Structures are given as C-alpha cells and as structure tokens.
Amino acid sequence: MKENEVPQDKGSLESSNFKELCYAVNDKGEYTTASSSGWTPKTIALNNAIQEINERVEEAKIRVINNETSPIEYYMELHKMDIGILASYVGLWQWRVKRHLKPKVFCKLSQKMLQKYADVFEITIDQLNRIEHGN
C-alpha cells in the first residue's frame, strides 16, 4: 500500500496516543515506515479475539467452581497460555500438567509443586487454591 493509503481509522490504539508502525511504499517506490492510528477490520478482529479469550476464562472459572477442573486451568486461560506453554514454564511434561487439571490430583499436589504454578501465574498459593465467584 502507498504511504498516503495507510489506514487512519479509529482503533484501540487511538485512545492511548500510540500509533502502529506499518510498512508502505513511498512516491519513489521504496519501502518506508508509516504510522497508523488503526484499521477497522483489524480492530474488529482484535476485539473478537479478546471477547473469545474472556469467554474461555469465564468458562474455565465455572468449571473450577463446579469442581470439573482445577484452578490451574482458570489461571492458564487467564494468562493466555496453553498446556505446552505452561508445561515449559513449570518444567514439567505436558501429560503431568494435564493430570494436574483434575481436581482430585490437584488437591494432592505438594506445596513445592503448587508454588511452581503460583510463581508462573504471579500469585500466592492461597490464590491458586481458590477461585471466588467474584474474581
């Protein structure tokens, strides 16, 4: 796209006085950088993605409250992680993390293992152990 065609739509960056850096072609046909305040299709896509993430977090929270999964799943979703990423952060095999998502297994985890998860999520063990209806 040409420099003068870089979108300047209202976007999520607009309210924070930030501009997004884009590549464009100048009058000489050379690539250059240009600032954009936003692009409506991108803003819509980002808003949809954020809404989907929030729904996944809420669904995980409900499963924790209903004792269908452990709080690890809630915090994993809240921090936008998947099992592979979480496993690498806590230094475990993925199958072990999956096992820790089971409430019966979670309640038997050692303090040391709980602390690993709490450290990754930057919370206390007490916060990890309970999900309140208001969170």
N, C-alpha and C. Protein backbone atom coordinates (compact mmCIF):
# COMPACT_ATOMS: atom_id res chain seq x y z
N MET A 1 0.85 -1.17 0.00
CA MET A 1 0.00 0.00 0.00
C MET A 1 0.89 1.23 0.00
N LYS A 2 0.37 2.28 -0.53
CA LYS A 2 1.12 3.53 -0.61
C LYS A 2 1.05 4.28 0.72
N GLU A 3 2.04 5.12 0.92
CA GLU A 3 2.14 5.87 2.17
C GLU A 3 0.86 6.64 2.49
N ASN A 4 0.27 7.25 1.49
CA ASN A 4 -0.94 8.05 1.72
C ASN A 4 -2.19 7.19 1.88
N GLU A 5 -2.08 5.85 1.71
CA GLU A 5 -3.21 4.95 1.85
C GLU A 5 -3.21 4.18 3.18
N VAL A 6 -2.22 4.46 4.02
CA VAL A 6 -2.16 3.77 5.32
C VAL A 6 -3.40 4.15 6.12
N PRO A 7 -4.16 3.15 6.59
CA PRO A 7 -5.42 3.42 7.30
C PRO A 7 -5.23 4.27 8.56
N GLN A 8 -6.16 5.16 8.77
CA GLN A 8 -6.16 6.02 9.95
C GLN A 8 -7.52 5.93 10.64
N ASP A 9 -8.10 4.73 10.65
CA ASP A 9 -9.41 4.52 11.27
C ASP A 9 -9.30 4.60 12.78
N LYS A 10 -10.44 4.76 13.42
CA LYS A 10 -10.46 4.72 14.88
C LYS A 10 -10.15 3.29 15.30
N GLY A 11 -9.18 3.15 16.17
CA GLY A 11 -8.79 1.83 16.63
C GLY A 11 -8.54 1.81 18.11
N SER A 12 -8.13 0.66 18.61
CA SER A 12 -7.89 0.54 20.04
C SER A 12 -6.65 1.30 20.48
N LEU A 13 -5.78 1.66 19.55
CA LEU A 13 -4.59 2.43 19.90
C LEU A 13 -4.88 3.92 20.00
N GLU A 14 -5.97 4.35 19.41
CA GLU A 14 -6.26 5.78 19.33
C GLU A 14 -6.35 6.46 20.69
N SER A 15 -7.02 5.82 21.65
CA SER A 15 -7.23 6.45 22.95
C SER A 15 -5.96 6.53 23.77
N SER A 16 -4.95 5.73 23.41
CA SER A 16 -3.72 5.73 24.20
C SER A 16 -2.61 6.56 23.57
N ASN A 17 -2.92 7.30 22.52
CA ASN A 17 -1.96 8.15 21.82
C ASN A 17 -0.79 7.39 21.22
N PHE A 18 -0.97 6.08 20.98
CA PHE A 18 0.05 5.28 20.33
C PHE A 18 -0.32 5.13 18.87
N LYS A 19 0.69 4.98 18.06
CA LYS A 19 0.50 4.71 16.64
C LYS A 19 1.15 3.37 16.33
N GLU A 20 0.56 2.68 15.39
CA GLU A 20 1.12 1.41 14.94
C GLU A 20 2.05 1.68 13.76
N LEU A 21 3.18 1.02 13.77
CA LEU A 21 4.15 1.18 12.69
C LEU A 21 3.81 0.21 11.57
N CYS A 22 3.66 0.72 10.36
CA CYS A 22 3.33 -0.08 9.19
C CYS A 22 4.36 0.17 8.10
N TYR A 23 4.44 -0.75 7.18
CA TYR A 23 5.29 -0.56 6.01
C TYR A 23 4.42 -0.09 4.85
N ALA A 24 4.95 0.84 4.09
CA ALA A 24 4.24 1.38 2.94
C ALA A 24 5.26 1.71 1.86
N VAL A 25 4.76 2.00 0.68
CA VAL A 25 5.62 2.37 -0.44
C VAL A 25 5.52 3.87 -0.64
N ASN A 26 6.69 4.55 -0.72
CA ASN A 26 6.68 6.00 -0.90
C ASN A 26 6.56 6.35 -2.39
N ASP A 27 6.65 7.64 -2.70
CA ASP A 27 6.50 8.11 -4.08
C ASP A 27 7.57 7.57 -5.02
N LYS A 28 8.72 7.19 -4.47
CA LYS A 28 9.82 6.67 -5.29
C LYS A 28 9.72 5.14 -5.48
N GLY A 29 8.67 4.53 -4.89
CA GLY A 29 8.51 3.09 -4.99
C GLY A 29 9.33 2.30 -3.99
N GLU A 30 9.88 2.97 -3.01
CA GLU A 30 10.70 2.33 -1.98
C GLU A 30 9.86 2.06 -0.74
N TYR A 31 10.21 0.96 -0.04
CA TYR A 31 9.52 0.68 1.22
C TYR A 31 9.98 1.65 2.28
N THR A 32 9.02 2.11 3.06
CA THR A 32 9.29 3.02 4.16
C THR A 32 8.31 2.69 5.28
N THR A 33 8.45 3.35 6.40
CA THR A 33 7.52 3.13 7.50
C THR A 33 6.54 4.29 7.57
N ALA A 34 5.34 3.96 8.05
CA ALA A 34 4.29 4.97 8.21
C ALA A 34 3.52 4.64 9.49
N SER A 35 2.97 5.65 10.10
CA SER A 35 2.18 5.46 11.32
C SER A 35 0.71 5.33 10.98
N SER A 36 0.03 4.47 11.76
CA SER A 36 -1.40 4.27 11.58
C SER A 36 -2.07 4.33 12.94
N SER A 37 -3.18 5.04 13.01
CA SER A 37 -3.93 5.11 14.28
C SER A 37 -4.85 3.91 14.42
N GLY A 38 -5.06 3.15 13.36
CA GLY A 38 -5.91 1.97 13.44
C GLY A 38 -6.49 1.60 12.09
N TRP A 39 -7.06 0.41 12.06
CA TRP A 39 -7.70 -0.09 10.85
C TRP A 39 -8.91 -0.87 11.29
N THR A 40 -10.08 -0.49 10.87
CA THR A 40 -11.33 -1.06 11.36
C THR A 40 -11.36 -2.59 11.32
N PRO A 41 -11.00 -3.25 10.19
CA PRO A 41 -11.04 -4.72 10.21
C PRO A 41 -10.12 -5.34 11.27
N LYS A 42 -8.96 -4.75 11.47
CA LYS A 42 -8.05 -5.26 12.49
C LYS A 42 -8.62 -5.05 13.88
N THR A 43 -9.21 -3.89 14.11
CA THR A 43 -9.82 -3.60 15.40
C THR A 43 -10.94 -4.59 15.71
N ILE A 44 -11.77 -4.88 14.71
CA ILE A 44 -12.86 -5.84 14.89
C ILE A 44 -12.30 -7.22 15.23
N ALA A 45 -11.27 -7.64 14.50
CA ALA A 45 -10.66 -8.95 14.75
C ALA A 45 -10.06 -9.03 16.15
N LEU A 46 -9.36 -7.98 16.57
CA LEU A 46 -8.77 -7.96 17.91
C LEU A 46 -9.85 -8.00 18.99
N ASN A 47 -10.91 -7.23 18.80
CA ASN A 47 -12.00 -7.22 19.78
C ASN A 47 -12.67 -8.59 19.88
N ASN A 48 -12.84 -9.25 18.73
CA ASN A 48 -13.43 -10.59 18.73
C ASN A 48 -12.52 -11.59 19.45
N ALA A 49 -11.22 -11.48 19.22
CA ALA A 49 -10.27 -12.37 19.88
C ALA A 49 -10.28 -12.16 21.39
N ILE A 50 -10.31 -10.91 21.82
CA ILE A 50 -10.34 -10.60 23.25
C ILE A 50 -11.63 -11.12 23.88
N GLN A 51 -12.74 -10.96 23.17
CA GLN A 51 -14.02 -11.46 23.68
C GLN A 51 -13.98 -12.99 23.83
N GLU A 52 -13.39 -13.67 22.86
CA GLU A 52 -13.29 -15.13 22.93
C GLU A 52 -12.41 -15.56 24.10
N ILE A 53 -11.32 -14.86 24.32
CA ILE A 53 -10.44 -15.17 25.46
C ILE A 53 -11.20 -14.97 26.77
N ASN A 54 -11.93 -13.88 26.89
CA ASN A 54 -12.70 -13.62 28.11
C ASN A 54 -13.75 -14.70 28.34
N GLU A 55 -14.37 -15.18 27.28
CA GLU A 55 -15.36 -16.26 27.40
C GLU A 55 -14.70 -17.55 27.88
N ARG A 56 -13.52 -17.86 27.35
CA ARG A 56 -12.80 -19.06 27.76
C ARG A 56 -12.41 -18.98 29.23
N VAL A 57 -12.00 -17.79 29.69
CA VAL A 57 -11.64 -17.60 31.09
C VAL A 57 -12.87 -17.83 31.96
N GLU A 58 -14.00 -17.26 31.57
CA GLU A 58 -15.23 -17.40 32.34
C GLU A 58 -15.71 -18.86 32.37
N GLU A 59 -15.60 -19.56 31.24
CA GLU A 59 -15.98 -20.97 31.20
C GLU A 59 -15.08 -21.81 32.10
N ALA A 60 -13.80 -21.51 32.11
CA ALA A 60 -12.87 -22.23 32.98
C ALA A 60 -13.21 -21.97 34.44
N LYS A 61 -13.55 -20.74 34.75
CA LYS A 61 -13.92 -20.38 36.12
C LYS A 61 -15.15 -21.17 36.59
N ILE A 62 -16.12 -21.29 35.70
CA ILE A 62 -17.34 -22.06 36.04
C ILE A 62 -17.00 -23.52 36.25
N ARG A 63 -16.11 -24.08 35.42
CA ARG A 63 -15.70 -25.48 35.58
C ARG A 63 -14.97 -25.68 36.91
N VAL A 64 -14.17 -24.69 37.33
CA VAL A 64 -13.48 -24.79 38.62
C VAL A 64 -14.50 -24.77 39.75
N ILE A 65 -15.43 -23.84 39.69
CA ILE A 65 -16.46 -23.71 40.73
C ILE A 65 -17.30 -24.99 40.82
N ASN A 66 -17.55 -25.63 39.66
CA ASN A 66 -18.33 -26.87 39.62
C ASN A 66 -17.47 -28.11 39.88
N ASN A 67 -16.22 -27.90 40.25
CA ASN A 67 -15.27 -28.98 40.55
C ASN A 67 -15.07 -29.94 39.37
N GLU A 68 -15.09 -29.38 38.16
CA GLU A 68 -14.86 -30.17 36.95
C GLU A 68 -13.40 -30.08 36.50
N THR A 69 -12.69 -29.09 36.98
CA THR A 69 -11.28 -28.89 36.65
C THR A 69 -10.61 -28.18 37.81
N SER A 70 -9.29 -28.12 37.77
CA SER A 70 -8.57 -27.46 38.85
C SER A 70 -8.38 -25.97 38.53
N PRO A 71 -8.04 -25.18 39.53
CA PRO A 71 -7.79 -23.76 39.30
C PRO A 71 -6.66 -23.49 38.32
N ILE A 72 -5.81 -24.47 38.09
CA ILE A 72 -4.71 -24.29 37.13
C ILE A 72 -5.27 -23.93 35.76
N GLU A 73 -6.35 -24.56 35.36
CA GLU A 73 -6.94 -24.26 34.05
C GLU A 73 -7.42 -22.82 33.99
N TYR A 74 -8.06 -22.35 35.04
CA TYR A 74 -8.54 -20.96 35.07
C TYR A 74 -7.38 -19.99 34.90
N TYR A 75 -6.33 -20.17 35.69
CA TYR A 75 -5.20 -19.24 35.61
C TYR A 75 -4.44 -19.39 34.29
N MET A 76 -4.42 -20.60 33.75
CA MET A 76 -3.78 -20.82 32.45
C MET A 76 -4.52 -20.02 31.38
N GLU A 77 -5.85 -20.08 31.38
CA GLU A 77 -6.65 -19.31 30.42
C GLU A 77 -6.52 -17.81 30.68
N LEU A 78 -6.53 -17.42 31.93
CA LEU A 78 -6.42 -16.01 32.30
C LEU A 78 -5.11 -15.41 31.79
N HIS A 79 -4.05 -16.21 31.80
CA HIS A 79 -2.74 -15.75 31.35
C HIS A 79 -2.46 -16.10 29.89
N LYS A 80 -3.52 -16.49 29.18
CA LYS A 80 -3.43 -16.76 27.73
C LYS A 80 -2.35 -17.79 27.40
N MET A 81 -2.35 -18.87 28.16
CA MET A 81 -1.40 -19.96 27.95
C MET A 81 -2.14 -21.20 27.48
N ASP A 82 -1.39 -22.11 26.86
CA ASP A 82 -1.92 -23.44 26.61
C ASP A 82 -1.09 -24.42 27.43
N ILE A 83 -1.43 -25.69 27.35
CA ILE A 83 -0.74 -26.68 28.19
C ILE A 83 0.75 -26.74 27.87
N GLY A 84 1.11 -26.65 26.60
CA GLY A 84 2.52 -26.70 26.21
C GLY A 84 3.32 -25.56 26.80
N ILE A 85 2.78 -24.37 26.73
CA ILE A 85 3.48 -23.21 27.28
C ILE A 85 3.59 -23.32 28.80
N LEU A 86 2.49 -23.67 29.45
CA LEU A 86 2.51 -23.80 30.92
C LEU A 86 3.49 -24.88 31.34
N ALA A 87 3.48 -26.00 30.64
CA ALA A 87 4.40 -27.10 30.98
C ALA A 87 5.85 -26.64 30.89
N SER A 88 6.17 -25.88 29.87
CA SER A 88 7.55 -25.41 29.73
C SER A 88 7.91 -24.43 30.85
N TYR A 89 6.97 -23.60 31.28
CA TYR A 89 7.24 -22.64 32.35
C TYR A 89 7.45 -23.32 33.70
N VAL A 90 6.67 -24.37 33.98
CA VAL A 90 6.81 -25.05 35.28
C VAL A 90 7.82 -26.18 35.21
N GLY A 91 8.35 -26.49 34.02
CA GLY A 91 9.38 -27.51 33.88
C GLY A 91 8.85 -28.93 34.01
N LEU A 92 7.65 -29.16 33.48
CA LEU A 92 7.03 -30.49 33.55
C LEU A 92 6.66 -30.97 32.15
N TRP A 93 6.45 -32.28 32.05
CA TRP A 93 5.90 -32.82 30.81
C TRP A 93 4.44 -32.39 30.69
N GLN A 94 3.97 -32.25 29.46
CA GLN A 94 2.58 -31.82 29.25
C GLN A 94 1.58 -32.77 29.89
N TRP A 95 1.85 -34.06 29.84
CA TRP A 95 0.91 -35.02 30.40
C TRP A 95 0.75 -34.82 31.90
N ARG A 96 1.82 -34.36 32.57
CA ARG A 96 1.71 -34.11 34.01
C ARG A 96 0.84 -32.88 34.28
N VAL A 97 1.00 -31.85 33.48
CA VAL A 97 0.17 -30.65 33.65
C VAL A 97 -1.30 -31.02 33.39
N LYS A 98 -1.56 -31.79 32.35
CA LYS A 98 -2.94 -32.23 32.07
C LYS A 98 -3.51 -32.98 33.27
N ARG A 99 -2.68 -33.81 33.88
CA ARG A 99 -3.12 -34.57 35.05
C ARG A 99 -3.44 -33.63 36.21
N HIS A 100 -2.66 -32.56 36.36
CA HIS A 100 -2.88 -31.61 37.45
C HIS A 100 -4.16 -30.79 37.25
N LEU A 101 -4.75 -30.87 36.06
CA LEU A 101 -6.02 -30.18 35.83
C LEU A 101 -7.19 -30.94 36.45
N LYS A 102 -6.96 -32.17 36.85
CA LYS A 102 -8.01 -32.96 37.51
C LYS A 102 -8.09 -32.54 38.98
N PRO A 103 -9.29 -32.18 39.45
CA PRO A 103 -9.43 -31.70 40.83
C PRO A 103 -8.88 -32.66 41.89
N LYS A 104 -9.10 -33.97 41.71
CA LYS A 104 -8.62 -34.94 42.71
C LYS A 104 -7.10 -34.99 42.75
N VAL A 105 -6.46 -34.81 41.63
CA VAL A 105 -4.99 -34.80 41.58
C VAL A 105 -4.47 -33.47 42.12
N PHE A 106 -5.12 -32.37 41.73
CA PHE A 106 -4.69 -31.04 42.16
C PHE A 106 -4.67 -30.92 43.68
N CYS A 107 -5.69 -31.44 44.35
CA CYS A 107 -5.76 -31.27 45.81
C CYS A 107 -4.69 -32.08 46.54
N LYS A 108 -3.99 -32.99 45.82
CA LYS A 108 -2.92 -33.78 46.44
C LYS A 108 -1.52 -33.26 46.08
N LEU A 109 -1.45 -32.15 45.33
CA LEU A 109 -0.15 -31.61 44.93
C LEU A 109 0.62 -31.08 46.14
N SER A 110 1.92 -31.25 46.09
CA SER A 110 2.77 -30.76 47.18
C SER A 110 2.83 -29.23 47.15
N GLN A 111 3.25 -28.67 48.26
CA GLN A 111 3.41 -27.21 48.34
C GLN A 111 4.45 -26.73 47.33
N LYS A 112 5.48 -27.54 47.13
CA LYS A 112 6.54 -27.19 46.18
C LYS A 112 5.97 -27.10 44.75
N MET A 113 5.13 -28.06 44.38
CA MET A 113 4.53 -28.05 43.04
C MET A 113 3.53 -26.89 42.92
N LEU A 114 2.74 -26.66 43.94
CA LEU A 114 1.80 -25.54 43.92
C LEU A 114 2.56 -24.21 43.78
N GLN A 115 3.71 -24.12 44.45
CA GLN A 115 4.50 -22.90 44.38
C GLN A 115 5.03 -22.66 42.98
N LYS A 116 5.38 -23.74 42.27
CA LYS A 116 5.82 -23.59 40.88
C LYS A 116 4.72 -22.95 40.04
N TYR A 117 3.51 -23.46 40.18
CA TYR A 117 2.38 -22.90 39.44
C TYR A 117 2.11 -21.45 39.88
N ALA A 118 2.12 -21.23 41.18
CA ALA A 118 1.86 -19.87 41.70
C ALA A 118 2.89 -18.89 41.17
N ASP A 119 4.15 -19.30 41.11
CA ASP A 119 5.21 -18.43 40.61
C ASP A 119 4.97 -18.07 39.14
N VAL A 120 4.59 -19.05 38.35
CA VAL A 120 4.34 -18.81 36.93
C VAL A 120 3.18 -17.82 36.76
N PHE A 121 2.14 -17.98 37.55
CA PHE A 121 0.96 -17.11 37.44
C PHE A 121 1.11 -15.82 38.23
N GLU A 122 2.22 -15.68 38.96
CA GLU A 122 2.50 -14.49 39.78
C GLU A 122 1.40 -14.23 40.81
N ILE A 123 1.03 -15.31 41.50
CA ILE A 123 0.03 -15.24 42.57
C ILE A 123 0.55 -16.04 43.76
N THR A 124 -0.21 -16.03 44.84
CA THR A 124 0.15 -16.83 46.01
C THR A 124 -0.48 -18.22 45.87
N ILE A 125 0.00 -19.14 46.67
CA ILE A 125 -0.59 -20.48 46.69
C ILE A 125 -2.04 -20.39 47.14
N ASP A 126 -2.32 -19.50 48.10
CA ASP A 126 -3.69 -19.32 48.58
C ASP A 126 -4.62 -18.89 47.44
N GLN A 127 -4.15 -17.95 46.61
CA GLN A 127 -4.96 -17.52 45.46
C GLN A 127 -5.14 -18.65 44.46
N LEU A 128 -4.10 -19.46 44.29
CA LEU A 128 -4.18 -20.59 43.37
C LEU A 128 -5.20 -21.61 43.83
N ASN A 129 -5.29 -21.80 45.13
CA ASN A 129 -6.17 -22.82 45.71
C ASN A 129 -7.64 -22.46 45.69
N ARG A 130 -7.96 -21.21 45.46
CA ARG A 130 -9.39 -20.84 45.49
C ARG A 130 -9.72 -19.85 44.38
N ILE A 131 -10.82 -20.10 43.79
CA ILE A 131 -11.39 -19.19 42.80
C ILE A 131 -12.72 -18.75 43.39
N GLU A 132 -12.83 -17.47 43.61
CA GLU A 132 -14.07 -16.97 44.19
C GLU A 132 -15.04 -16.58 43.10
N HIS A 133 -16.29 -16.59 43.42
CA HIS A 133 -17.34 -16.24 42.44
C HIS A 133 -17.16 -14.82 41.92
N GLY A 134 -16.54 -13.94 42.70
CA GLY A 134 -16.36 -12.54 42.29
C GLY A 134 -15.13 -12.28 41.46
N ASN A 135 -14.20 -13.22 41.35
CA ASN A 135 -12.96 -12.99 40.58
C ASN A 135 -13.23 -12.87 39.11
